[in-house]
Amino acid sequence: LAYETVAFVEQYWRIAGNTGFNNAVYRIAEKLEAAGYVLEGNAT
């Protein structure tokens, strides 16, 4: 997973707020949810 994530993230030129940075954030969130992490607003 670490290597797959590097391959995804490094394709982008990243600074806060730009497409690459935000796509990295969304990929992290996607993988966290797949691992069982619950979005704070929906958590009990």
PDB file of all heavy atoms in Angstrom:
ATOM      1  N   LEU A   1       0.834  -1.199   0.000  1.00  0.00           N
ATOM      2  CA  LEU A   1       0.000   0.000   0.000  1.00  0.00           C
ATOM      3  C   LEU A   1       0.870   1.251   0.000  1.00  0.00           C
ATOM      4  O   LEU A   1       0.557   2.236  -0.680  1.00  0.00           O
ATOM      5  CB  LEU A   1      -0.936   0.003   1.209  1.00  0.00           C
ATOM      6  CG  LEU A   1      -1.812   1.258   1.369  1.00  0.00           C
ATOM      7  CD1 LEU A   1      -2.695   1.469   0.131  1.00  0.00           C
ATOM      8  CD2 LEU A   1      -2.670   1.154   2.629  1.00  0.00           C
ATOM      9  N   ALA A   2       1.960   1.223   0.755  1.00  0.00           N
ATOM     10  CA  ALA A   2       2.866   2.375   0.794  1.00  0.00           C
ATOM     11  C   ALA A   2       3.379   2.686  -0.604  1.00  0.00           C
ATOM     12  O   ALA A   2       3.346   3.838  -1.052  1.00  0.00           O
ATOM     13  CB  ALA A   2       4.035   2.102   1.744  1.00  0.00           C
ATOM     14  N   TYR A   3       3.832   1.664  -1.321  1.00  0.00           N
ATOM     15  CA  TYR A   3       4.400   1.874  -2.650  1.00  0.00           C
ATOM     16  C   TYR A   3       3.331   2.317  -3.659  1.00  0.00           C
ATOM     17  O   TYR A   3       3.565   3.218  -4.468  1.00  0.00           O
ATOM     18  CB  TYR A   3       5.078   0.594  -3.123  1.00  0.00           C
ATOM     19  CG  TYR A   3       5.945   0.780  -4.351  1.00  0.00           C
ATOM     20  CD1 TYR A   3       7.242   1.266  -4.228  1.00  0.00           C
ATOM     21  CD2 TYR A   3       5.457   0.490  -5.622  1.00  0.00           C
ATOM     22  CE1 TYR A   3       8.051   1.449  -5.353  1.00  0.00           C
ATOM     23  CE2 TYR A   3       6.254   0.675  -6.750  1.00  0.00           C
ATOM     24  CZ  TYR A   3       7.543   1.152  -6.606  1.00  0.00           C
ATOM     25  OH  TYR A   3       8.323   1.343  -7.718  1.00  0.00           O
ATOM     26  N   GLU A   4       2.170   1.690  -3.597  1.00  0.00           N
ATOM     27  CA  GLU A   4       1.073   2.083  -4.492  1.00  0.00           C
ATOM     28  C   GLU A   4       0.690   3.542  -4.261  1.00  0.00           C
ATOM     29  O   GLU A   4       0.382   4.278  -5.212  1.00  0.00           O
ATOM     30  CB  GLU A   4      -0.142   1.191  -4.258  1.00  0.00           C
ATOM     31  CG  GLU A   4       0.038  -0.255  -4.707  1.00  0.00           C
ATOM     32  CD  GLU A   4      -1.068  -1.155  -4.185  1.00  0.00           C
ATOM     33  OE1 GLU A   4      -2.057  -0.621  -3.613  1.00  0.00           O
ATOM     34  OE2 GLU A   4      -0.950  -2.384  -4.319  1.00  0.00           O
ATOM     35  N   THR A   5       0.700   3.956  -3.007  1.00  0.00           N
ATOM     36  CA  THR A   5       0.351   5.336  -2.676  1.00  0.00           C
ATOM     37  C   THR A   5       1.406   6.304  -3.207  1.00  0.00           C
ATOM     38  O   THR A   5       1.076   7.374  -3.748  1.00  0.00           O
ATOM     39  CB  THR A   5       0.198   5.498  -1.151  1.00  0.00           C
ATOM     40  OG1 THR A   5      -0.792   4.578  -0.676  1.00  0.00           O
ATOM     41  CG2 THR A   5      -0.226   6.912  -0.789  1.00  0.00           C
ATOM     42  N   VAL A   6       2.674   5.943  -3.079  1.00  0.00           N
ATOM     43  CA  VAL A   6       3.742   6.781  -3.633  1.00  0.00           C
ATOM     44  C   VAL A   6       3.549   6.948  -5.139  1.00  0.00           C
ATOM     45  O   VAL A   6       3.653   8.058  -5.681  1.00  0.00           O
ATOM     46  CB  VAL A   6       5.130   6.180  -3.334  1.00  0.00           C
ATOM     47  CG1 VAL A   6       6.224   6.983  -4.051  1.00  0.00           C
ATOM     48  CG2 VAL A   6       5.403   6.164  -1.842  1.00  0.00           C
ATOM     49  N   ALA A   7       3.253   5.837  -5.811  1.00  0.00           N
ATOM     50  CA  ALA A   7       3.073   5.887  -7.268  1.00  0.00           C
ATOM     51  C   ALA A   7       1.926   6.811  -7.651  1.00  0.00           C
ATOM     52  O   ALA A   7       1.991   7.517  -8.667  1.00  0.00           O
ATOM     53  CB  ALA A   7       2.818   4.479  -7.801  1.00  0.00           C
ATOM     54  N   PHE A   8       0.870   6.827  -6.852  1.00  0.00           N
ATOM     55  CA  PHE A   8      -0.259   7.714  -7.132  1.00  0.00           C
ATOM     56  C   PHE A   8       0.099   9.167  -6.836  1.00  0.00           C
ATOM     57  O   PHE A   8      -0.134  10.063  -7.666  1.00  0.00           O
ATOM     58  CB  PHE A   8      -1.479   7.300  -6.304  1.00  0.00           C
ATOM     59  CG  PHE A   8      -2.649   8.213  -6.470  1.00  0.00           C
ATOM     60  CD1 PHE A   8      -3.527   8.055  -7.534  1.00  0.00           C
ATOM     61  CD2 PHE A   8      -2.889   9.250  -5.568  1.00  0.00           C
ATOM     62  CE1 PHE A   8      -4.612   8.907  -7.710  1.00  0.00           C
ATOM     63  CE2 PHE A   8      -3.971  10.107  -5.727  1.00  0.00           C
ATOM     64  CZ  PHE A   8      -4.836   9.932  -6.807  1.00  0.00           C
ATOM     65  N   VAL A   9       0.664   9.414  -5.674  1.00  0.00           N
ATOM     66  CA  VAL A   9       0.904  10.786  -5.217  1.00  0.00           C
ATOM     67  C   VAL A   9       1.990  11.474  -6.030  1.00  0.00           C
ATOM     68  O   VAL A   9       1.880  12.658  -6.371  1.00  0.00           O
ATOM     69  CB  VAL A   9       1.262  10.787  -3.706  1.00  0.00           C
ATOM     70  CG1 VAL A   9       1.709  12.173  -3.245  1.00  0.00           C
ATOM     71  CG2 VAL A   9       0.061  10.311  -2.884  1.00  0.00           C
ATOM     72  N   GLU A  10       3.062  10.753  -6.367  1.00  0.00           N
ATOM     73  CA  GLU A  10       4.215  11.415  -6.980  1.00  0.00           C
ATOM     74  C   GLU A  10       3.973  11.853  -8.421  1.00  0.00           C
ATOM     75  O   GLU A  10       4.781  12.581  -8.987  1.00  0.00           O
ATOM     76  CB  GLU A  10       5.445  10.503  -6.909  1.00  0.00           C
ATOM     77  CG  GLU A  10       5.417   9.296  -7.821  1.00  0.00           C
ATOM     78  CD  GLU A  10       6.201   9.501  -9.112  1.00  0.00           C
ATOM     79  OE1 GLU A  10       7.209  10.216  -9.115  1.00  0.00           O
ATOM     80  OE2 GLU A  10       5.777   8.919 -10.132  1.00  0.00           O
ATOM     81  N   GLN A  11       2.864  11.422  -9.002  1.00  0.00           N
ATOM     82  CA  GLN A  11       2.581  11.876 -10.371  1.00  0.00           C
ATOM     83  C   GLN A  11       2.168  13.350 -10.414  1.00  0.00           C
ATOM     84  O   GLN A  11       2.145  13.963 -11.479  1.00  0.00           O
ATOM     85  CB  GLN A  11       1.476  11.015 -10.987  1.00  0.00           C
ATOM     86  CG  GLN A  11       0.116  11.149 -10.326  1.00  0.00           C
ATOM     87  CD  GLN A  11      -0.929  10.214 -10.910  1.00  0.00           C
ATOM     88  OE1 GLN A  11      -1.101  10.159 -12.111  1.00  0.00           O
ATOM     89  NE2 GLN A  11      -1.600   9.483 -10.040  1.00  0.00           N
ATOM     90  N   TYR A  12       1.862  13.924  -9.243  1.00  0.00           N
ATOM     91  CA  TYR A  12       1.382  15.302  -9.170  1.00  0.00           C
ATOM     92  C   TYR A  12       2.451  16.246  -8.609  1.00  0.00           C
ATOM     93  O   TYR A  12       3.230  15.879  -7.732  1.00  0.00           O
ATOM     94  CB  TYR A  12       0.155  15.391  -8.251  1.00  0.00           C
ATOM     95  CG  TYR A  12      -1.038  14.608  -8.713  1.00  0.00           C
ATOM     96  CD1 TYR A  12      -1.402  13.427  -8.085  1.00  0.00           C
ATOM     97  CD2 TYR A  12      -1.827  15.056  -9.781  1.00  0.00           C
ATOM     98  CE1 TYR A  12      -2.517  12.705  -8.483  1.00  0.00           C
ATOM     99  CE2 TYR A  12      -2.936  14.345 -10.197  1.00  0.00           C
ATOM    100  CZ  TYR A  12      -3.279  13.165  -9.539  1.00  0.00           C
ATOM    101  OH  TYR A  12      -4.378  12.454  -9.951  1.00  0.00           O
ATOM    102  N   TRP A  13       2.420  17.495  -9.105  1.00  0.00           N
ATOM    103  CA  TRP A  13       3.194  18.588  -8.503  1.00  0.00           C
ATOM    104  C   TRP A  13       2.290  19.182  -7.419  1.00  0.00           C
ATOM    105  O   TRP A  13       1.261  19.761  -7.715  1.00  0.00           O
ATOM    106  CB  TRP A  13       3.507  19.645  -9.559  1.00  0.00           C
ATOM    107  CG  TRP A  13       4.825  20.343  -9.376  1.00  0.00           C
ATOM    108  CD1 TRP A  13       5.949  20.163 -10.115  1.00  0.00           C
ATOM    109  CD2 TRP A  13       5.138  21.344  -8.406  1.00  0.00           C
ATOM    110  NE1 TRP A  13       6.955  20.991  -9.663  1.00  0.00           N
ATOM    111  CE2 TRP A  13       6.484  21.730  -8.613  1.00  0.00           C
ATOM    112  CE3 TRP A  13       4.423  21.957  -7.367  1.00  0.00           C
ATOM    113  CZ2 TRP A  13       7.132  22.689  -7.833  1.00  0.00           C
ATOM    114  CZ3 TRP A  13       5.065  22.904  -6.585  1.00  0.00           C
ATOM    115  CH2 TRP A  13       6.395  23.264  -6.822  1.00  0.00           C
ATOM    116  N   ARG A  14       2.694  19.074  -6.129  1.00  0.00           N
ATOM    117  CA  ARG A  14       1.762  19.291  -5.037  1.00  0.00           C
ATOM    118  C   ARG A  14       2.135  20.504  -4.170  1.00  0.00           C
ATOM    119  O   ARG A  14       3.232  20.583  -3.632  1.00  0.00           O
ATOM    120  CB  ARG A  14       1.725  18.044  -4.130  1.00  0.00           C
ATOM    121  CG  ARG A  14       1.523  16.750  -4.900  1.00  0.00           C
ATOM    122  CD  ARG A  14       1.641  15.527  -4.000  1.00  0.00           C
ATOM    123  NE  ARG A  14       2.900  15.421  -3.308  1.00  0.00           N
ATOM    124  CZ  ARG A  14       4.011  14.884  -3.821  1.00  0.00           C
ATOM    125  NH1 ARG A  14       4.034  14.424  -5.067  1.00  0.00           N
ATOM    126  NH2 ARG A  14       5.114  14.788  -3.097  1.00  0.00           N
ATOM    127  N   ILE A  15       1.204  21.437  -4.056  1.00  0.00           N
ATOM    128  CA  ILE A  15       1.229  22.409  -2.970  1.00  0.00           C
ATOM    129  C   ILE A  15      -0.201  22.508  -2.446  1.00  0.00           C
ATOM    130  O   ILE A  15      -1.156  22.114  -3.123  1.00  0.00           O
ATOM    131  CB  ILE A  15       1.749  23.798  -3.394  1.00  0.00           C
ATOM    132  CG1 ILE A  15       0.822  24.453  -4.409  1.00  0.00           C
ATOM    133  CG2 ILE A  15       3.161  23.721  -3.908  1.00  0.00           C
ATOM    134  CD1 ILE A  15       1.171  25.914  -4.653  1.00  0.00           C
ATOM    135  N   ALA A  16      -0.343  23.031  -1.245  1.00  0.00           N
ATOM    136  CA  ALA A  16      -1.659  23.058  -0.586  1.00  0.00           C
ATOM    137  C   ALA A  16      -2.700  23.699  -1.485  1.00  0.00           C
ATOM    138  O   ALA A  16      -2.497  24.769  -2.045  1.00  0.00           O
ATOM    139  CB  ALA A  16      -1.568  23.811   0.737  1.00  0.00           C
ATOM    140  N   GLY A  17      -3.818  23.004  -1.626  1.00  0.00           N
ATOM    141  CA  GLY A  17      -4.950  23.528  -2.370  1.00  0.00           C
ATOM    142  C   GLY A  17      -4.997  23.156  -3.829  1.00  0.00           C
ATOM    143  O   GLY A  17      -6.043  23.319  -4.471  1.00  0.00           O
ATOM    144  N   ASN A  18      -3.889  22.654  -4.399  1.00  0.00           N
ATOM    145  CA  ASN A  18      -3.946  22.383  -5.837  1.00  0.00           C
ATOM    146  C   ASN A  18      -4.457  20.967  -6.118  1.00  0.00           C
ATOM    147  O   ASN A  18      -4.705  20.168  -5.202  1.00  0.00           O
ATOM    148  CB  ASN A  18      -2.614  22.698  -6.526  1.00  0.00           C
ATOM    149  CG  ASN A  18      -1.536  21.652  -6.328  1.00  0.00           C
ATOM    150  OD1 ASN A  18      -1.727  20.632  -5.693  1.00  0.00           O
ATOM    151  ND2 ASN A  18      -0.370  21.924  -6.887  1.00  0.00           N
ATOM    152  N   THR A  19      -4.608  20.650  -7.385  1.00  0.00           N
ATOM    153  CA  THR A  19      -5.223  19.393  -7.788  1.00  0.00           C
ATOM    154  C   THR A  19      -4.493  18.189  -7.220  1.00  0.00           C
ATOM    155  O   THR A  19      -5.115  17.256  -6.675  1.00  0.00           O
ATOM    156  CB  THR A  19      -5.259  19.294  -9.326  1.00  0.00           C
ATOM    157  OG1 THR A  19      -5.983  20.402  -9.850  1.00  0.00           O
ATOM    158  CG2 THR A  19      -5.917  18.002  -9.771  1.00  0.00           C
ATOM    159  N   GLY A  20      -3.170  18.183  -7.341  1.00  0.00           N
ATOM    160  CA  GLY A  20      -2.396  17.043  -6.871  1.00  0.00           C
ATOM    161  C   GLY A  20      -2.479  16.855  -5.373  1.00  0.00           C
ATOM    162  O   GLY A  20      -2.638  15.729  -4.874  1.00  0.00           O
ATOM    163  N   PHE A  21      -2.368  17.952  -4.635  1.00  0.00           N
ATOM    164  CA  PHE A  21      -2.455  17.886  -3.169  1.00  0.00           C
ATOM    165  C   PHE A  21      -3.816  17.343  -2.749  1.00  0.00           C
ATOM    166  O   PHE A  21      -3.911  16.426  -1.920  1.00  0.00           O
ATOM    167  CB  PHE A  21      -2.240  19.287  -2.599  1.00  0.00           C
ATOM    168  CG  PHE A  21      -2.088  19.343  -1.095  1.00  0.00           C
ATOM    169  CD1 PHE A  21      -0.842  19.477  -0.519  1.00  0.00           C
ATOM    170  CD2 PHE A  21      -3.201  19.296  -0.261  1.00  0.00           C
ATOM    171  CE1 PHE A  21      -0.699  19.553   0.862  1.00  0.00           C
ATOM    172  CE2 PHE A  21      -3.075  19.367   1.114  1.00  0.00           C
ATOM    173  CZ  PHE A  21      -1.815  19.494   1.677  1.00  0.00           C
ATOM    174  N   ASN A  22      -4.875  17.888  -3.338  1.00  0.00           N
ATOM    175  CA  ASN A  22      -6.222  17.478  -2.947  1.00  0.00           C
ATOM    176  C   ASN A  22      -6.520  16.039  -3.362  1.00  0.00           C
ATOM    177  O   ASN A  22      -7.181  15.293  -2.625  1.00  0.00           O
ATOM    178  CB  ASN A  22      -7.257  18.427  -3.544  1.00  0.00           C
ATOM    179  CG  ASN A  22      -7.200  19.798  -2.899  1.00  0.00           C
ATOM    180  OD1 ASN A  22      -6.514  19.999  -1.898  1.00  0.00           O
ATOM    181  ND2 ASN A  22      -7.902  20.755  -3.467  1.00  0.00           N
ATOM    182  N   ASN A  23      -6.028  15.625  -4.525  1.00  0.00           N
ATOM    183  CA  ASN A  23      -6.233  14.235  -4.929  1.00  0.00           C
ATOM    184  C   ASN A  23      -5.527  13.269  -3.990  1.00  0.00           C
ATOM    185  O   ASN A  23      -6.022  12.165  -3.722  1.00  0.00           O
ATOM    186  CB  ASN A  23      -5.757  14.023  -6.363  1.00  0.00           C
ATOM    187  CG  ASN A  23      -6.735  14.560  -7.392  1.00  0.00           C
ATOM    188  OD1 ASN A  23      -7.865  14.923  -7.062  1.00  0.00           O
ATOM    189  ND2 ASN A  23      -6.309  14.624  -8.642  1.00  0.00           N
ATOM    190  N   ALA A  24      -4.365  13.674  -3.482  1.00  0.00           N
ATOM    191  CA  ALA A  24      -3.679  12.857  -2.480  1.00  0.00           C
ATOM    192  C   ALA A  24      -4.513  12.735  -1.211  1.00  0.00           C
ATOM    193  O   ALA A  24      -4.627  11.653  -0.619  1.00  0.00           O
ATOM    194  CB  ALA A  24      -2.307  13.447  -2.166  1.00  0.00           C
ATOM    195  N   VAL A  25      -5.110  13.847  -0.788  1.00  0.00           N
ATOM    196  CA  VAL A  25      -5.984  13.823   0.395  1.00  0.00           C
ATOM    197  C   VAL A  25      -7.154  12.858   0.191  1.00  0.00           C
ATOM    198  O   VAL A  25      -7.471  12.045   1.064  1.00  0.00           O
ATOM    199  CB  VAL A  25      -6.500  15.245   0.703  1.00  0.00           C
ATOM    200  CG1 VAL A  25      -7.676  15.203   1.687  1.00  0.00           C
ATOM    201  CG2 VAL A  25      -5.378  16.110   1.267  1.00  0.00           C
ATOM    202  N   TYR A  26      -7.785  12.945  -0.963  1.00  0.00           N
ATOM    203  CA  TYR A  26      -8.947  12.084  -1.217  1.00  0.00           C
ATOM    204  C   TYR A  26      -8.535  10.611  -1.307  1.00  0.00           C
ATOM    205  O   TYR A  26      -9.292   9.722  -0.885  1.00  0.00           O
ATOM    206  CB  TYR A  26      -9.660  12.521  -2.490  1.00  0.00           C
ATOM    207  CG  TYR A  26     -10.132  13.960  -2.462  1.00  0.00           C
ATOM    208  CD1 TYR A  26     -10.043  14.779  -3.581  1.00  0.00           C
ATOM    209  CD2 TYR A  26     -10.647  14.520  -1.287  1.00  0.00           C
ATOM    210  CE1 TYR A  26     -10.462  16.105  -3.553  1.00  0.00           C
ATOM    211  CE2 TYR A  26     -11.059  15.834  -1.247  1.00  0.00           C
ATOM    212  CZ  TYR A  26     -10.970  16.630  -2.377  1.00  0.00           C
ATOM    213  OH  TYR A  26     -11.373  17.944  -2.337  1.00  0.00           O
ATOM    214  N   ARG A  27      -7.350  10.327  -1.847  1.00  0.00           N
ATOM    215  CA  ARG A  27      -6.878   8.950  -1.890  1.00  0.00           C
ATOM    216  C   ARG A  27      -6.625   8.417  -0.481  1.00  0.00           C
ATOM    217  O   ARG A  27      -6.958   7.280  -0.169  1.00  0.00           O
ATOM    218  CB  ARG A  27      -5.600   8.869  -2.734  1.00  0.00           C
ATOM    219  CG  ARG A  27      -4.911   7.490  -2.736  1.00  0.00           C
ATOM    220  CD  ARG A  27      -5.816   6.369  -3.238  1.00  0.00           C
ATOM    221  NE  ARG A  27      -6.102   6.480  -4.642  1.00  0.00           N
ATOM    222  CZ  ARG A  27      -5.462   5.812  -5.597  1.00  0.00           C
ATOM    223  NH1 ARG A  27      -4.485   4.984  -5.292  1.00  0.00           N
ATOM    224  NH2 ARG A  27      -5.830   5.960  -6.862  1.00  0.00           N
ATOM    225  N   ILE A  28      -6.032   9.247   0.380  1.00  0.00           N
ATOM    226  CA  ILE A  28      -5.816   8.844   1.776  1.00  0.00           C
ATOM    227  C   ILE A  28      -7.146   8.525   2.441  1.00  0.00           C
ATOM    228  O   ILE A  28      -7.301   7.486   3.105  1.00  0.00           O
ATOM    229  CB  ILE A  28      -5.075   9.957   2.544  1.00  0.00           C
ATOM    230  CG1 ILE A  28      -3.646  10.112   2.020  1.00  0.00           C
ATOM    231  CG2 ILE A  28      -5.062   9.676   4.048  1.00  0.00           C
ATOM    232  CD1 ILE A  28      -2.965  11.398   2.438  1.00  0.00           C
ATOM    233  N   ALA A  29      -8.121   9.405   2.276  1.00  0.00           N
ATOM    234  CA  ALA A  29      -9.438   9.197   2.891  1.00  0.00           C
ATOM    235  C   ALA A  29     -10.089   7.924   2.371  1.00  0.00           C
ATOM    236  O   ALA A  29     -10.698   7.155   3.146  1.00  0.00           O
ATOM    237  CB  ALA A  29     -10.330  10.408   2.613  1.00  0.00           C
ATOM    238  N   GLU A  30      -9.962   7.672   1.085  1.00  0.00           N
ATOM    239  CA  GLU A  30     -10.542   6.457   0.487  1.00  0.00           C
ATOM    240  C   GLU A  30      -9.939   5.203   1.112  1.00  0.00           C
ATOM    241  O   GLU A  30     -10.664   4.252   1.453  1.00  0.00           O
ATOM    242  CB  GLU A  30     -10.274   6.479  -1.018  1.00  0.00           C
ATOM    243  CG  GLU A  30     -10.685   5.220  -1.758  1.00  0.00           C
ATOM    244  CD  GLU A  30     -10.165   5.206  -3.182  1.00  0.00           C
ATOM    245  OE1 GLU A  30     -10.006   6.291  -3.778  1.00  0.00           O
ATOM    246  OE2 GLU A  30      -9.895   4.099  -3.703  1.00  0.00           O
ATOM    247  N   LYS A  31      -8.629   5.185   1.274  1.00  0.00           N
ATOM    248  CA  LYS A  31      -7.963   4.017   1.843  1.00  0.00           C
ATOM    249  C   LYS A  31      -8.251   3.871   3.338  1.00  0.00           C
ATOM    250  O   LYS A  31      -8.345   2.753   3.860  1.00  0.00           O
ATOM    251  CB  LYS A  31      -6.459   4.101   1.594  1.00  0.00           C
ATOM    252  CG  LYS A  31      -6.073   4.068   0.120  1.00  0.00           C
ATOM    253  CD  LYS A  31      -6.517   2.766  -0.538  1.00  0.00           C
ATOM    254  CE  LYS A  31      -6.099   2.710  -1.999  1.00  0.00           C
ATOM    255  NZ  LYS A  31      -6.545   1.459  -2.674  1.00  0.00           N
ATOM    256  N   LEU A  32      -8.372   4.992   4.030  1.00  0.00           N
ATOM    257  CA  LEU A  32      -8.737   4.920   5.447  1.00  0.00           C
ATOM    258  C   LEU A  32     -10.132   4.316   5.622  1.00  0.00           C
ATOM    259  O   LEU A  32     -10.353   3.458   6.492  1.00  0.00           O
ATOM    260  CB  LEU A  32      -8.680   6.316   6.080  1.00  0.00           C
ATOM    261  CG  LEU A  32      -7.288   6.920   6.308  1.00  0.00           C
ATOM    262  CD1 LEU A  32      -7.412   8.362   6.796  1.00  0.00           C
ATOM    263  CD2 LEU A  32      -6.481   6.093   7.310  1.00  0.00           C
ATOM    264  N   GLU A  33     -11.066   4.759   4.808  1.00  0.00           N
ATOM    265  CA  GLU A  33     -12.425   4.207   4.898  1.00  0.00           C
ATOM    266  C   GLU A  33     -12.428   2.718   4.587  1.00  0.00           C
ATOM    267  O   GLU A  33     -13.130   1.935   5.244  1.00  0.00           O
ATOM    268  CB  GLU A  33     -13.354   4.962   3.963  1.00  0.00           C
ATOM    269  CG  GLU A  33     -13.682   6.363   4.439  1.00  0.00           C
ATOM    270  CD  GLU A  33     -14.997   6.890   3.878  1.00  0.00           C
ATOM    271  OE1 GLU A  33     -15.659   6.160   3.118  1.00  0.00           O
ATOM    272  OE2 GLU A  33     -15.357   8.026   4.235  1.00  0.00           O
ATOM    273  N   ALA A  34     -11.646   2.301   3.593  1.00  0.00           N
ATOM    274  CA  ALA A  34     -11.568   0.882   3.247  1.00  0.00           C
ATOM    275  C   ALA A  34     -10.997   0.063   4.398  1.00  0.00           C
ATOM    276  O   ALA A  34     -11.316  -1.128   4.544  1.00  0.00           O
ATOM    277  CB  ALA A  34     -10.717   0.694   1.999  1.00  0.00           C
ATOM    278  N   ALA A  35     -10.168   0.714   5.243  1.00  0.00           N
ATOM    279  CA  ALA A  35      -9.572   0.028   6.393  1.00  0.00           C
ATOM    280  C   ALA A  35     -10.455   0.081   7.633  1.00  0.00           C
ATOM    281  O   ALA A  35     -10.081  -0.462   8.679  1.00  0.00           O
ATOM    282  CB  ALA A  35      -8.212   0.646   6.703  1.00  0.00           C
ATOM    283  N   GLY A  36     -11.622   0.744   7.531  1.00  0.00           N
ATOM    284  CA  GLY A  36     -12.550   0.768   8.653  1.00  0.00           C
ATOM    285  C   GLY A  36     -12.620   2.068   9.423  1.00  0.00           C
ATOM    286  O   GLY A  36     -13.335   2.155  10.431  1.00  0.00           O
ATOM    287  N   TYR A  37     -11.910   3.102   8.959  1.00  0.00           N
ATOM    288  CA  TYR A  37     -12.002   4.396   9.624  1.00  0.00           C
ATOM    289  C   TYR A  37     -13.329   5.068   9.233  1.00  0.00           C
ATOM    290  O   TYR A  37     -13.735   5.032   8.071  1.00  0.00           O
ATOM    291  CB  TYR A  37     -10.836   5.301   9.232  1.00  0.00           C
ATOM    292  CG  TYR A  37      -9.517   4.903   9.875  1.00  0.00           C
ATOM    293  CD1 TYR A  37      -8.781   3.824   9.374  1.00  0.00           C
ATOM    294  CD2 TYR A  37      -9.018   5.594  10.969  1.00  0.00           C
ATOM    295  CE1 TYR A  37      -7.574   3.448   9.952  1.00  0.00           C
ATOM    296  CE2 TYR A  37      -7.814   5.225  11.559  1.00  0.00           C
ATOM    297  CZ  TYR A  37      -7.097   4.148  11.050  1.00  0.00           C
ATOM    298  OH  TYR A  37      -5.913   3.780  11.627  1.00  0.00           O
ATOM    299  N   VAL A  38     -13.968   5.680  10.214  1.00  0.00           N
ATOM    300  CA  VAL A  38     -15.281   6.288  10.011  1.00  0.00           C
ATOM    301  C   VAL A  38     -15.135   7.806  10.007  1.00  0.00           C
ATOM    302  O   VAL A  38     -14.443   8.376  10.867  1.00  0.00           O
ATOM    303  CB  VAL A  38     -16.257   5.856  11.130  1.00  0.00           C
ATOM    304  CG1 VAL A  38     -17.621   6.512  10.937  1.00  0.00           C
ATOM    305  CG2 VAL A  38     -16.381   4.343  11.179  1.00  0.00           C
ATOM    306  N   LEU A  39     -15.781   8.449   9.039  1.00  0.00           N
ATOM    307  CA  LEU A  39     -15.764   9.909   8.987  1.00  0.00           C
ATOM    308  C   LEU A  39     -16.308  10.467  10.295  1.00  0.00           C
ATOM    309  O   LEU A  39     -17.352  10.028  10.780  1.00  0.00           O
ATOM    310  CB  LEU A  39     -16.594  10.400   7.805  1.00  0.00           C
ATOM    311  CG  LEU A  39     -16.512  11.889   7.477  1.00  0.00           C
ATOM    312  CD1 LEU A  39     -15.098  12.284   7.059  1.00  0.00           C
ATOM    313  CD2 LEU A  39     -17.508  12.231   6.372  1.00  0.00           C
ATOM    314  N   GLU A  40     -15.614  11.424  10.866  1.00  0.00           N
ATOM    315  CA  GLU A  40     -15.928  11.907  12.216  1.00  0.00           C
ATOM    316  C   GLU A  40     -17.397  12.304  12.364  1.00  0.00           C
ATOM    317  O   GLU A  40     -18.024  12.006  13.393  1.00  0.00           O
ATOM    318  CB  GLU A  40     -15.032  13.103  12.542  1.00  0.00           C
ATOM    319  CG  GLU A  40     -15.111  13.558  13.985  1.00  0.00           C
ATOM    320  CD  GLU A  40     -14.060  14.611  14.286  1.00  0.00           C
ATOM    321  OE1 GLU A  40     -14.257  15.778  13.901  1.00  0.00           O
ATOM    322  OE2 GLU A  40     -13.040  14.263  14.903  1.00  0.00           O
ATOM    323  N   GLY A  41     -17.970  12.925  11.367  1.00  0.00           N
ATOM    324  CA  GLY A  41     -19.367  13.347  11.459  1.00  0.00           C
ATOM    325  C   GLY A  41     -20.345  12.189  11.533  1.00  0.00           C
ATOM    326  O   GLY A  41     -21.477  12.360  12.002  1.00  0.00           O
ATOM    327  N   ASN A  42     -19.914  11.011  11.100  1.00  0.00           N
ATOM    328  CA  ASN A  42     -20.786   9.832  11.132  1.00  0.00           C
ATOM    329  C   ASN A  42     -20.440   8.873  12.258  1.00  0.00           C
ATOM    330  O   ASN A  42     -21.099   7.840  12.421  1.00  0.00           O
ATOM    331  CB  ASN A  42     -20.677   9.068   9.798  1.00  0.00           C
ATOM    332  CG  ASN A  42     -21.080   9.921   8.615  1.00  0.00           C
ATOM    333  OD1 ASN A  42     -21.930  10.792   8.734  1.00  0.00           O
ATOM    334  ND2 ASN A  42     -20.460   9.681   7.469  1.00  0.00           N
ATOM    335  N   ALA A  43     -19.414   9.194  13.028  1.00  0.00           N
ATOM    336  CA  ALA A  43     -18.914   8.262  14.040  1.00  0.00           C
ATOM    337  C   ALA A  43     -19.776   8.278  15.297  1.00  0.00           C
ATOM    338  O   ALA A  43     -20.385   9.296  15.655  1.00  0.00           O
ATOM    339  CB  ALA A  43     -17.473   8.604  14.394  1.00  0.00           C
ATOM    340  N   THR A  44     -19.794   7.126  15.971  1.00  0.00           N
ATOM    341  CA  THR A  44     -20.455   6.993  17.270  1.00  0.00           C
ATOM    342  C   THR A  44     -19.387   6.828  18.349  1.00  0.00           C
ATOM    343  O   THR A  44     -18.200   6.662  18.044  1.00  0.00           O
ATOM    344  CB  THR A  44     -21.389   5.777  17.284  1.00  0.00           C
ATOM    345  OG1 THR A  44     -20.599   4.582  17.163  1.00  0.00           O
ATOM    346  CG2 THR A  44     -22.387   5.839  16.129  1.00  0.00           C
TER     347      THR A  44
END
